[in-house]
Amino acid sequence: MYKVIESRVIVDEREEVTYGLRRTDGTAVTDVSPNKNEVERSAVYFNEIGVSSWNLKEIISDVLDTEMGLEKFYI
């Protein structure tokens, strides 16, 4: 199961909140998106299709590298 985690980062001397995903086995990817709804939808989708913990980082980085965003990933 994936759950949304919250991280605080400093950007241009300001504290900002970003969201990531953590699996029940402890695997985590932080700083996925500043959009909590987007990350929550991703968690639901990844749970539905059974994304393994070793694929999570690859999937997130592929989506972010292509700049298509998570919204278009599961449409």
Protein backbone atom coordinates (compact mmCIF):
# COMPACT_ATOMS: atom_id res chain seq x y z
CA MET A 1 0.00 0.00 0.00
CA TYR A 2 1.20 3.47 -0.83
CA LYS A 3 0.55 6.43 1.43
CA VAL A 4 1.17 10.13 0.93
CA ILE A 5 3.98 11.67 2.96
CA GLU A 6 4.66 15.35 3.52
CA SER A 7 8.12 16.91 3.38
CA ARG A 8 9.26 20.42 4.06
CA VAL A 9 12.00 21.84 1.87
CA ILE A 10 13.71 25.21 1.68
CA VAL A 11 13.37 26.92 -1.70
CA ASP A 12 14.75 30.42 -2.18
CA GLU A 13 14.98 30.85 1.59
CA ARG A 14 11.30 29.90 2.04
CA GLU A 15 9.93 26.73 3.53
CA GLU A 16 7.69 24.87 1.10
CA VAL A 17 5.69 21.66 1.40
CA THR A 18 6.07 18.84 -1.09
CA TYR A 19 4.44 15.46 -1.11
CA GLY A 20 5.83 12.03 -1.78
CA LEU A 21 4.87 8.39 -1.55
CA ARG A 22 5.81 5.74 1.00
CA ARG A 23 5.06 2.06 0.70
CA THR A 24 4.31 -0.13 3.70
CA ASP A 25 7.72 -1.83 3.27
CA GLY A 26 9.40 1.52 3.98
CA THR A 27 10.35 2.42 0.41
CA ALA A 28 9.77 6.13 -0.14
CA VAL A 29 10.08 8.73 -2.85
CA THR A 30 9.98 12.25 -1.45
CA ASP A 31 9.45 15.47 -3.38
CA VAL A 32 7.14 13.98 -6.00
CA SER A 33 4.91 17.03 -6.34
CA PRO A 34 3.77 20.13 -4.44
CA ASN A 35 0.21 19.15 -5.43
CA LYS A 36 -1.22 16.90 -2.69
CA ASN A 37 -4.26 15.87 -4.75
CA GLU A 38 -2.03 14.70 -7.58
CA VAL A 39 0.06 12.56 -5.22
CA GLU A 40 -3.05 11.15 -3.51
CA ARG A 41 -4.46 10.11 -6.89
CA SER A 42 -1.12 8.55 -7.77
CA ALA A 43 -1.12 6.54 -4.53
CA VAL A 44 -4.61 5.20 -5.27
CA TYR A 45 -3.65 4.34 -8.85
CA PHE A 46 -0.36 2.68 -7.88
CA ASN A 47 -2.20 0.62 -5.26
CA GLU A 48 -4.81 -0.44 -7.84
CA ILE A 49 -2.29 -1.61 -10.42
CA GLY A 50 0.13 -3.06 -7.87
CA VAL A 51 3.27 -1.03 -8.54
CA SER A 52 6.14 -2.74 -6.76
CA SER A 53 8.49 -0.80 -4.52
CA TRP A 54 11.46 -1.37 -6.83
CA ASN A 55 9.54 0.13 -9.77
CA LEU A 56 8.25 3.17 -7.91
CA LYS A 57 11.35 5.35 -8.25
CA GLU A 58 11.68 4.50 -11.95
CA ILE A 59 8.04 5.30 -12.67
CA ILE A 60 8.16 8.61 -10.80
CA SER A 61 11.44 9.67 -12.44
CA ASP A 62 10.19 8.67 -15.92
CA VAL A 63 7.03 10.71 -15.46
CA LEU A 64 8.93 13.71 -14.12
CA ASP A 65 11.69 13.45 -16.76
CA THR A 66 9.19 13.51 -19.60
CA GLU A 67 7.48 16.50 -17.98
CA MET A 68 4.11 15.00 -18.78
CA GLY A 69 3.15 15.19 -15.12
CA LEU A 70 1.33 12.67 -13.05
CA GLU A 71 -2.09 13.91 -14.19
CA LYS A 72 -1.52 12.58 -17.73
CA PHE A 73 0.18 9.41 -16.50
CA TYR A 74 -3.02 7.68 -15.51
CA ILE A 75 -5.43 9.02 -18.12
